[in-house]
Full PDB file with SEQRES, HELIX, SHEET, SSBOND, CRYST1, ORIGX, SCALE, CONECT and MASTER records, all heavy atoms in Angstrom:
SEQRES   1 A   34  SER ARG LYS GLY ILE HIS ILE THR MET ILE THR THR PHE          
SEQRES   2 A   34  GLY LEU LYS GLU ASN ALA TYR SER SER ILE ALA GLN ASN          
SEQRES   3 A   34  SER VAL VAL LEU ASP ASP LEU PHE                              
HELIX    1 AA1 SER A   21  ILE A   23  5                                   3    
HELIX    2 AA2 LEU A   30  LEU A   33  1                                   4    
SHEET    1 AA1 2 THR A   8  ILE A  10  0                                        
SHEET    2 AA1 2 ASN A  26  VAL A  28  1                                        
CRYST1    1.000    1.000    1.000  90.00  90.00  90.00 P 1           1          
ORIGX1      1.000000  0.000000  0.000000        0.00000                         
ORIGX2      0.000000  1.000000  0.000000        0.00000                         
ORIGX3      0.000000  0.000000  1.000000        0.00000                         
SCALE1      1.000000  0.000000  0.000000        0.00000                         
SCALE2      0.000000  1.000000  0.000000        0.00000                         
SCALE3      0.000000  0.000000  1.000000        0.00000                         
ATOM      1  N   SER A   1      16.823  -7.974 -19.310  1.00  0.00           N  
ATOM      2  CA  SER A   1      15.491  -7.847 -18.686  1.00  0.00           C  
ATOM      3  C   SER A   1      14.916  -6.502 -18.976  1.00  0.00           C  
ATOM      4  O   SER A   1      15.580  -5.451 -18.918  1.00  0.00           O  
ATOM      5  CB  SER A   1      15.616  -8.028 -17.168  1.00  0.00           C  
ATOM      6  OG  SER A   1      14.375  -7.739 -16.525  1.00  0.00           O  
ATOM      7  N   ARG A   2      13.639  -6.490 -19.374  1.00  0.00           N  
ATOM      8  CA  ARG A   2      12.944  -5.259 -19.579  1.00  0.00           C  
ATOM      9  C   ARG A   2      11.945  -4.923 -18.489  1.00  0.00           C  
ATOM     10  O   ARG A   2      11.143  -4.020 -18.637  1.00  0.00           O  
ATOM     11  CB  ARG A   2      12.227  -5.330 -20.945  1.00  0.00           C  
ATOM     12  CG  ARG A   2      13.183  -5.449 -22.105  1.00  0.00           C  
ATOM     13  CD  ARG A   2      12.412  -5.455 -23.454  1.00  0.00           C  
ATOM     14  NE  ARG A   2      13.324  -5.498 -24.557  1.00  0.00           N  
ATOM     15  CZ  ARG A   2      12.979  -5.513 -25.861  1.00  0.00           C  
ATOM     16  NH1 ARG A   2      11.642  -5.534 -26.149  1.00  0.00           N  
ATOM     17  NH2 ARG A   2      13.858  -5.605 -26.814  1.00  0.00           N  
ATOM     18  N   LYS A   3      11.984  -5.696 -17.451  1.00  0.00           N  
ATOM     19  CA  LYS A   3      11.055  -5.470 -16.358  1.00  0.00           C  
ATOM     20  C   LYS A   3      11.639  -4.394 -15.390  1.00  0.00           C  
ATOM     21  O   LYS A   3      12.839  -4.139 -15.306  1.00  0.00           O  
ATOM     22  CB  LYS A   3      10.831  -6.734 -15.536  1.00  0.00           C  
ATOM     23  CG  LYS A   3      10.053  -7.816 -16.322  1.00  0.00           C  
ATOM     24  CD  LYS A   3       9.621  -8.963 -15.444  1.00  0.00           C  
ATOM     25  CE  LYS A   3       8.671  -9.899 -16.198  1.00  0.00           C  
ATOM     26  NZ  LYS A   3       8.188 -10.977 -15.306  1.00  0.00           N  
ATOM     27  N   GLY A   4      10.721  -3.810 -14.624  1.00  0.00           N  
ATOM     28  CA  GLY A   4      11.207  -2.819 -13.637  1.00  0.00           C  
ATOM     29  C   GLY A   4      11.912  -3.512 -12.461  1.00  0.00           C  
ATOM     30  O   GLY A   4      11.568  -4.633 -12.099  1.00  0.00           O  
ATOM     31  N   ILE A   5      12.936  -2.853 -11.930  1.00  0.00           N  
ATOM     32  CA  ILE A   5      13.748  -3.404 -10.885  1.00  0.00           C  
ATOM     33  C   ILE A   5      13.390  -2.728  -9.576  1.00  0.00           C  
ATOM     34  O   ILE A   5      13.447  -1.508  -9.477  1.00  0.00           O  
ATOM     35  CB  ILE A   5      15.214  -3.189 -11.186  1.00  0.00           C  
ATOM     36  CG1 ILE A   5      15.603  -3.980 -12.405  1.00  0.00           C  
ATOM     37  CG2 ILE A   5      16.082  -3.770  -9.985  1.00  0.00           C  
ATOM     38  CD1 ILE A   5      15.431  -5.507 -12.422  1.00  0.00           C  
ATOM     39  N   HIS A   6      12.979  -3.537  -8.576  1.00  0.00           N  
ATOM     40  CA  HIS A   6      12.807  -3.031  -7.229  1.00  0.00           C  
ATOM     41  C   HIS A   6      13.847  -3.618  -6.344  1.00  0.00           C  
ATOM     42  O   HIS A   6      13.899  -4.904  -6.170  1.00  0.00           O  
ATOM     43  CB  HIS A   6      11.375  -3.363  -6.724  1.00  0.00           C  
ATOM     44  CG  HIS A   6      10.321  -2.470  -7.208  1.00  0.00           C  
ATOM     45  ND1 HIS A   6       9.001  -2.455  -6.751  1.00  0.00           N  
ATOM     46  CD2 HIS A   6      10.327  -1.546  -8.202  1.00  0.00           C  
ATOM     47  CE1 HIS A   6       8.285  -1.574  -7.338  1.00  0.00           C  
ATOM     48  NE2 HIS A   6       9.072  -0.991  -8.201  1.00  0.00           N  
ATOM     49  N   ILE A   7      14.668  -2.845  -5.709  1.00  0.00           N  
ATOM     50  CA  ILE A   7      15.691  -3.332  -4.810  1.00  0.00           C  
ATOM     51  C   ILE A   7      14.979  -3.511  -3.429  1.00  0.00           C  
ATOM     52  O   ILE A   7      14.383  -2.590  -2.877  1.00  0.00           O  
ATOM     53  CB  ILE A   7      16.856  -2.408  -4.677  1.00  0.00           C  
ATOM     54  CG1 ILE A   7      17.593  -2.358  -6.018  1.00  0.00           C  
ATOM     55  CG2 ILE A   7      17.850  -2.873  -3.564  1.00  0.00           C  
ATOM     56  CD1 ILE A   7      18.736  -1.351  -6.042  1.00  0.00           C  
ATOM     57  N   THR A   8      15.057  -4.758  -2.919  1.00  0.00           N  
ATOM     58  CA  THR A   8      14.454  -5.135  -1.695  1.00  0.00           C  
ATOM     59  C   THR A   8      15.471  -5.508  -0.613  1.00  0.00           C  
ATOM     60  O   THR A   8      16.255  -6.354  -0.844  1.00  0.00           O  
ATOM     61  CB  THR A   8      13.442  -6.299  -1.865  1.00  0.00           C  
ATOM     62  OG1 THR A   8      12.495  -5.938  -2.824  1.00  0.00           O  
ATOM     63  CG2 THR A   8      12.767  -6.683  -0.611  1.00  0.00           C  
ATOM     64  N   MET A   9      15.486  -4.700   0.467  1.00  0.00           N  
ATOM     65  CA  MET A   9      16.395  -5.044   1.572  1.00  0.00           C  
ATOM     66  C   MET A   9      15.734  -5.920   2.593  1.00  0.00           C  
ATOM     67  O   MET A   9      14.691  -5.564   3.099  1.00  0.00           O  
ATOM     68  CB  MET A   9      16.866  -3.743   2.253  1.00  0.00           C  
ATOM     69  CG  MET A   9      17.670  -2.782   1.297  1.00  0.00           C  
ATOM     70  SD  MET A   9      19.189  -3.510   0.602  1.00  0.00           S  
ATOM     71  CE  MET A   9      20.089  -3.836   2.148  1.00  0.00           C  
ATOM     72  N   ILE A  10      16.367  -7.034   2.853  1.00  0.00           N  
ATOM     73  CA  ILE A  10      15.882  -7.934   3.883  1.00  0.00           C  
ATOM     74  C   ILE A  10      16.865  -7.864   5.069  1.00  0.00           C  
ATOM     75  O   ILE A  10      18.020  -8.320   4.933  1.00  0.00           O  
ATOM     76  CB  ILE A  10      15.775  -9.386   3.406  1.00  0.00           C  
ATOM     77  CG1 ILE A  10      14.841  -9.424   2.141  1.00  0.00           C  
ATOM     78  CG2 ILE A  10      15.184 -10.298   4.471  1.00  0.00           C  
ATOM     79  CD1 ILE A  10      14.726 -10.834   1.503  1.00  0.00           C  
ATOM     80  N   THR A  11      16.454  -7.340   6.122  1.00  0.00           N  
ATOM     81  CA  THR A  11      17.349  -7.053   7.313  1.00  0.00           C  
ATOM     82  C   THR A  11      16.656  -7.593   8.587  1.00  0.00           C  
ATOM     83  O   THR A  11      15.488  -7.945   8.594  1.00  0.00           O  
ATOM     84  CB  THR A  11      17.718  -5.599   7.480  1.00  0.00           C  
ATOM     85  OG1 THR A  11      16.484  -4.878   7.674  1.00  0.00           O  
ATOM     86  CG2 THR A  11      18.332  -5.044   6.199  1.00  0.00           C  
ATOM     87  N   THR A  12      17.450  -7.606   9.644  1.00  0.00           N  
ATOM     88  CA  THR A  12      16.842  -7.981  10.944  1.00  0.00           C  
ATOM     89  C   THR A  12      15.986  -6.899  11.547  1.00  0.00           C  
ATOM     90  O   THR A  12      14.843  -7.130  11.883  1.00  0.00           O  
ATOM     91  CB  THR A  12      18.005  -8.363  11.916  1.00  0.00           C  
ATOM     92  OG1 THR A  12      19.100  -7.342  11.791  1.00  0.00           O  
ATOM     93  CG2 THR A  12      18.530  -9.728  11.611  1.00  0.00           C  
ATOM     94  N   PHE A  13      16.522  -5.638  11.541  1.00  0.00           N  
ATOM     95  CA  PHE A  13      15.796  -4.557  12.191  1.00  0.00           C  
ATOM     96  C   PHE A  13      15.670  -3.320  11.301  1.00  0.00           C  
ATOM     97  O   PHE A  13      15.612  -2.186  11.813  1.00  0.00           O  
ATOM     98  CB  PHE A  13      16.466  -4.190  13.512  1.00  0.00           C  
ATOM     99  CG  PHE A  13      16.508  -5.357  14.451  1.00  0.00           C  
ATOM    100  CD1 PHE A  13      17.756  -5.995  14.723  1.00  0.00           C  
ATOM    101  CD2 PHE A  13      15.381  -5.811  15.121  1.00  0.00           C  
ATOM    102  CE1 PHE A  13      17.736  -7.079  15.636  1.00  0.00           C  
ATOM    103  CE2 PHE A  13      15.409  -6.843  16.008  1.00  0.00           C  
ATOM    104  CZ  PHE A  13      16.588  -7.536  16.270  1.00  0.00           C  
ATOM    105  N   GLY A  14      15.701  -3.492   9.997  1.00  0.00           N  
ATOM    106  CA  GLY A  14      15.502  -2.409   9.072  1.00  0.00           C  
ATOM    107  C   GLY A  14      16.813  -1.634   8.785  1.00  0.00           C  
ATOM    108  O   GLY A  14      17.840  -1.930   9.363  1.00  0.00           O  
ATOM    109  N   LEU A  15      16.697  -0.690   7.857  1.00  0.00           N  
ATOM    110  CA  LEU A  15      17.853   0.097   7.478  1.00  0.00           C  
ATOM    111  C   LEU A  15      17.912   1.411   8.344  1.00  0.00           C  
ATOM    112  O   LEU A  15      16.870   2.069   8.569  1.00  0.00           O  
ATOM    113  CB  LEU A  15      17.740   0.498   6.024  1.00  0.00           C  
ATOM    114  CG  LEU A  15      18.147  -0.493   4.964  1.00  0.00           C  
ATOM    115  CD1 LEU A  15      18.018   0.082   3.576  1.00  0.00           C  
ATOM    116  CD2 LEU A  15      19.559  -1.027   5.193  1.00  0.00           C  
ATOM    117  N   LYS A  16      19.074   1.728   8.786  1.00  0.00           N  
ATOM    118  CA  LYS A  16      19.286   3.023   9.419  1.00  0.00           C  
ATOM    119  C   LYS A  16      19.285   4.105   8.339  1.00  0.00           C  
ATOM    120  O   LYS A  16      19.977   3.951   7.321  1.00  0.00           O  
ATOM    121  CB  LYS A  16      20.578   2.998  10.195  1.00  0.00           C  
ATOM    122  CG  LYS A  16      20.808   4.307  10.973  1.00  0.00           C  
ATOM    123  CD  LYS A  16      22.114   4.129  11.786  1.00  0.00           C  
ATOM    124  CE  LYS A  16      22.376   5.430  12.611  1.00  0.00           C  
ATOM    125  NZ  LYS A  16      23.642   5.293  13.426  1.00  0.00           N  
ATOM    126  N   GLU A  17      18.516   5.159   8.549  1.00  0.00           N  
ATOM    127  CA  GLU A  17      18.487   6.198   7.534  1.00  0.00           C  
ATOM    128  C   GLU A  17      19.867   6.923   7.433  1.00  0.00           C  
ATOM    129  O   GLU A  17      20.471   7.386   8.395  1.00  0.00           O  
ATOM    130  CB  GLU A  17      17.404   7.265   7.928  1.00  0.00           C  
ATOM    131  CG  GLU A  17      16.001   6.758   7.593  1.00  0.00           C  
ATOM    132  CD  GLU A  17      14.990   7.911   7.580  1.00  0.00           C  
ATOM    133  OE1 GLU A  17      15.405   9.047   7.219  1.00  0.00           O  
ATOM    134  OE2 GLU A  17      13.841   7.678   7.929  1.00  0.00           O  
ATOM    135  N   ASN A  18      20.343   6.906   6.145  1.00  0.00           N  
ATOM    136  CA  ASN A  18      21.558   7.672   5.838  1.00  0.00           C  
ATOM    137  C   ASN A  18      21.544   7.989   4.380  1.00  0.00           C  
ATOM    138  O   ASN A  18      20.542   7.857   3.705  1.00  0.00           O  
ATOM    139  CB  ASN A  18      22.841   6.877   6.209  1.00  0.00           C  
ATOM    140  CG  ASN A  18      22.970   5.556   5.509  1.00  0.00           C  
ATOM    141  OD1 ASN A  18      22.328   5.364   4.457  1.00  0.00           O  
ATOM    142  ND2 ASN A  18      23.785   4.725   6.050  1.00  0.00           N  
ATOM    143  N   ALA A  19      22.642   8.405   3.865  1.00  0.00           N  
ATOM    144  CA  ALA A  19      22.678   8.904   2.387  1.00  0.00           C  
ATOM    145  C   ALA A  19      22.461   7.804   1.435  1.00  0.00           C  
ATOM    146  O   ALA A  19      22.197   8.008   0.281  1.00  0.00           O  
ATOM    147  CB  ALA A  19      24.043   9.529   2.128  1.00  0.00           C  
ATOM    148  N   TYR A  20      22.518   6.470   1.901  1.00  0.00           N  
ATOM    149  CA  TYR A  20      22.415   5.355   0.947  1.00  0.00           C  
ATOM    150  C   TYR A  20      21.190   4.507   1.200  1.00  0.00           C  
ATOM    151  O   TYR A  20      20.864   3.589   0.410  1.00  0.00           O  
ATOM    152  CB  TYR A  20      23.653   4.497   1.044  1.00  0.00           C  
ATOM    153  CG  TYR A  20      24.950   5.280   0.997  1.00  0.00           C  
ATOM    154  CD1 TYR A  20      25.715   5.531   2.110  1.00  0.00           C  
ATOM    155  CD2 TYR A  20      25.340   5.851  -0.238  1.00  0.00           C  
ATOM    156  CE1 TYR A  20      26.861   6.297   2.065  1.00  0.00           C  
ATOM    157  CE2 TYR A  20      26.458   6.625  -0.277  1.00  0.00           C  
ATOM    158  CZ  TYR A  20      27.230   6.860   0.843  1.00  0.00           C  
ATOM    159  OH  TYR A  20      28.380   7.619   0.769  1.00  0.00           O  
ATOM    160  N   SER A  21      20.405   4.791   2.203  1.00  0.00           N  
ATOM    161  CA  SER A  21      19.294   3.886   2.536  1.00  0.00           C  
ATOM    162  C   SER A  21      18.127   4.026   1.538  1.00  0.00           C  
ATOM    163  O   SER A  21      17.295   3.140   1.454  1.00  0.00           O  
ATOM    164  CB  SER A  21      18.768   4.232   3.965  1.00  0.00           C  
ATOM    165  OG  SER A  21      18.376   5.595   4.091  1.00  0.00           O  
ATOM    166  N   SER A  22      18.099   5.096   0.787  1.00  0.00           N  
ATOM    167  CA  SER A  22      16.956   5.308  -0.158  1.00  0.00           C  
ATOM    168  C   SER A  22      17.077   4.357  -1.333  1.00  0.00           C  
ATOM    169  O   SER A  22      16.197   4.375  -2.188  1.00  0.00           O  
ATOM    170  CB  SER A  22      17.029   6.748  -0.637  1.00  0.00           C  
ATOM    171  OG  SER A  22      18.240   7.027  -1.327  1.00  0.00           O  
ATOM    172  N   ILE A  23      18.118   3.516  -1.412  1.00  0.00           N  
ATOM    173  CA  ILE A  23      18.264   2.597  -2.527  1.00  0.00           C  
ATOM    174  C   ILE A  23      17.127   1.520  -2.520  1.00  0.00           C  
ATOM    175  O   ILE A  23      16.795   0.955  -3.574  1.00  0.00           O  
ATOM    176  CB  ILE A  23      19.643   1.856  -2.412  1.00  0.00           C  
ATOM    177  CG1 ILE A  23      19.941   1.080  -3.725  1.00  0.00           C  
ATOM    178  CG2 ILE A  23      19.684   0.861  -1.252  1.00  0.00           C  
ATOM    179  CD1 ILE A  23      21.299   0.514  -3.804  1.00  0.00           C  
ATOM    180  N   ALA A  24      16.518   1.280  -1.389  1.00  0.00           N  
ATOM    181  CA  ALA A  24      15.556   0.214  -1.239  1.00  0.00           C  
ATOM    182  C   ALA A  24      14.130   0.712  -1.513  1.00  0.00           C  
ATOM    183  O   ALA A  24      13.658   1.698  -0.903  1.00  0.00           O  
ATOM    184  CB  ALA A  24      15.579  -0.369   0.143  1.00  0.00           C  
ATOM    185  N   GLN A  25      13.518   0.072  -2.491  1.00  0.00           N  
ATOM    186  CA  GLN A  25      12.041   0.341  -2.754  1.00  0.00           C  
ATOM    187  C   GLN A  25      11.165  -0.463  -1.809  1.00  0.00           C  
ATOM    188  O   GLN A  25      10.051  -0.073  -1.551  1.00  0.00           O  
ATOM    189  CB  GLN A  25      11.732  -0.031  -4.205  1.00  0.00           C  
ATOM    190  CG  GLN A  25      12.097   1.016  -5.238  1.00  0.00           C  
ATOM    191  CD  GLN A  25      13.489   0.783  -5.704  1.00  0.00           C  
ATOM    192  OE1 GLN A  25      14.024  -0.330  -5.574  1.00  0.00           O  
ATOM    193  NE2 GLN A  25      14.105   1.804  -6.308  1.00  0.00           N  
ATOM    194  N   ASN A  26      11.688  -1.571  -1.308  1.00  0.00           N  
ATOM    195  CA  ASN A  26      10.916  -2.424  -0.382  1.00  0.00           C  
ATOM    196  C   ASN A  26      11.796  -2.841   0.776  1.00  0.00           C  
ATOM    197  O   ASN A  26      13.027  -2.905   0.618  1.00  0.00           O  
ATOM    198  CB  ASN A  26      10.426  -3.700  -1.113  1.00  0.00           C  
ATOM    199  CG  ASN A  26       9.655  -3.363  -2.384  1.00  0.00           C  
ATOM    200  OD1 ASN A  26      10.195  -3.442  -3.449  1.00  0.00           O  
ATOM    201  ND2 ASN A  26       8.412  -2.988  -2.307  1.00  0.00           N  
ATOM    202  N   SER A  27      11.166  -3.174   1.852  1.00  0.00           N  
ATOM    203  CA  SER A  27      11.875  -3.621   3.018  1.00  0.00           C  
ATOM    204  C   SER A  27      11.180  -4.786   3.714  1.00  0.00           C  
ATOM    205  O   SER A  27      10.007  -4.774   3.805  1.00  0.00           O  
ATOM    206  CB  SER A  27      12.096  -2.479   3.992  1.00  0.00           C  
ATOM    207  OG  SER A  27      12.750  -2.917   5.174  1.00  0.00           O  
ATOM    208  N   VAL A  28      11.920  -5.787   4.134  1.00  0.00           N  
ATOM    209  CA  VAL A  28      11.450  -6.936   4.867  1.00  0.00           C  
ATOM    210  C   VAL A  28      12.328  -7.055   6.142  1.00  0.00           C  
ATOM    211  O   VAL A  28      13.589  -6.935   6.028  1.00  0.00           O  
ATOM    212  CB  VAL A  28      11.505  -8.306   4.104  1.00  0.00           C  
ATOM    213  CG1 VAL A  28      11.085  -9.452   4.987  1.00  0.00           C  
ATOM    214  CG2 VAL A  28      10.647  -8.160   2.859  1.00  0.00           C  
ATOM    215  N   VAL A  29      11.736  -7.202   7.262  1.00  0.00           N  
ATOM    216  CA  VAL A  29      12.528  -7.307   8.551  1.00  0.00           C  
ATOM    217  C   VAL A  29      12.295  -8.612   9.235  1.00  0.00           C  
ATOM    218  O   VAL A  29      11.460  -9.391   8.837  1.00  0.00           O  
ATOM    219  CB  VAL A  29      12.172  -6.134   9.489  1.00  0.00           C  
ATOM    220  CG1 VAL A  29      12.545  -4.771   8.878  1.00  0.00           C  
ATOM    221  CG2 VAL A  29      10.691  -6.150   9.899  1.00  0.00           C  
ATOM    222  N   LEU A  30      13.043  -8.877  10.308  1.00  0.00           N  
ATOM    223  CA  LEU A  30      12.974 -10.131  10.943  1.00  0.00           C  
ATOM    224  C   LEU A  30      11.583 -10.577  11.387  1.00  0.00           C  
ATOM    225  O   LEU A  30      11.143 -11.690  11.249  1.00  0.00           O  
ATOM    226  CB  LEU A  30      13.965 -10.068  12.195  1.00  0.00           C  
ATOM    227  CG  LEU A  30      13.984 -11.390  13.060  1.00  0.00           C  
ATOM    228  CD1 LEU A  30      14.426 -12.612  12.221  1.00  0.00           C  
ATOM    229  CD2 LEU A  30      14.930 -11.167  14.267  1.00  0.00           C  
ATOM    230  N   ASP A  31      10.860  -9.602  11.955  1.00  0.00           N  
ATOM    231  CA  ASP A  31       9.483  -9.883  12.417  1.00  0.00           C  
ATOM    232  C   ASP A  31       8.620 -10.465  11.298  1.00  0.00           C  
ATOM    233  O   ASP A  31       7.754 -11.340  11.486  1.00  0.00           O  
ATOM    234  CB  ASP A  31       8.794  -8.651  12.984  1.00  0.00           C  
ATOM    235  CG  ASP A  31       9.265  -8.342  14.405  1.00  0.00           C  
ATOM    236  OD1 ASP A  31       9.886  -9.206  15.008  1.00  0.00           O  
ATOM    237  OD2 ASP A  31       9.026  -7.186  14.866  1.00  0.00           O  
ATOM    238  N   ASP A  32       8.889 -10.018  10.023  1.00  0.00           N  
ATOM    239  CA  ASP A  32       8.088 -10.499   8.895  1.00  0.00           C  
ATOM    240  C   ASP A  32       8.350 -12.069   8.681  1.00  0.00           C  
ATOM    241  O   ASP A  32       7.480 -12.730   8.226  1.00  0.00           O  
ATOM    242  CB  ASP A  32       8.466  -9.767   7.651  1.00  0.00           C  
ATOM    243  CG  ASP A  32       8.062  -8.271   7.705  1.00  0.00           C  
ATOM    244  OD1 ASP A  32       6.980  -7.992   8.236  1.00  0.00           O  
ATOM    245  OD2 ASP A  32       8.797  -7.422   7.212  1.00  0.00           O  
ATOM    246  N   LEU A  33       9.560 -12.471   9.014  1.00  0.00           N  
ATOM    247  CA  LEU A  33       9.867 -13.916   8.820  1.00  0.00           C  
ATOM    248  C   LEU A  33       9.141 -14.785   9.822  1.00  0.00           C  
ATOM    249  O   LEU A  33       9.074 -16.025   9.644  1.00  0.00           O  
ATOM    250  CB  LEU A  33      11.397 -14.067   8.916  1.00  0.00           C  
ATOM    251  CG  LEU A  33      12.247 -13.326   7.929  1.00  0.00           C  
ATOM    252  CD1 LEU A  33      13.703 -13.703   8.096  1.00  0.00           C  
ATOM    253  CD2 LEU A  33      11.838 -13.556   6.484  1.00  0.00           C  
ATOM    254  N   PHE A  34       8.590 -14.205  10.856  1.00  0.00           N  
ATOM    255  CA  PHE A  34       7.831 -14.927  11.877  1.00  0.00           C  
ATOM    256  C   PHE A  34       6.351 -14.845  11.599  1.00  0.00           C  
ATOM    257  O   PHE A  34       5.557 -15.269  12.382  1.00  0.00           O  
ATOM    258  CB  PHE A  34       8.092 -14.331  13.303  1.00  0.00           C  
ATOM    259  CG  PHE A  34       9.394 -14.733  13.862  1.00  0.00           C  
ATOM    260  CD1 PHE A  34      10.561 -14.134  13.485  1.00  0.00           C  
ATOM    261  CD2 PHE A  34       9.481 -15.731  14.847  1.00  0.00           C  
ATOM    262  CE1 PHE A  34      11.784 -14.416  14.039  1.00  0.00           C  
ATOM    263  CE2 PHE A  34      10.663 -15.979  15.428  1.00  0.00           C  
ATOM    264  CZ  PHE A  34      11.878 -15.381  15.047  1.00  0.00           C  
TER     265      PHE A  34                                                      
MASTER        0    0    0    2    2    0    0    6  264    1    0    3          
END                                                                             
């Protein structure tokens, strides 16, 4: 693939900020599914 990669985290209540949370370019949470 030559397309850009965006890592998207789909979680219930978002990511807790820590040394690894910056991996996500996009975020979807439980409320979005409603």
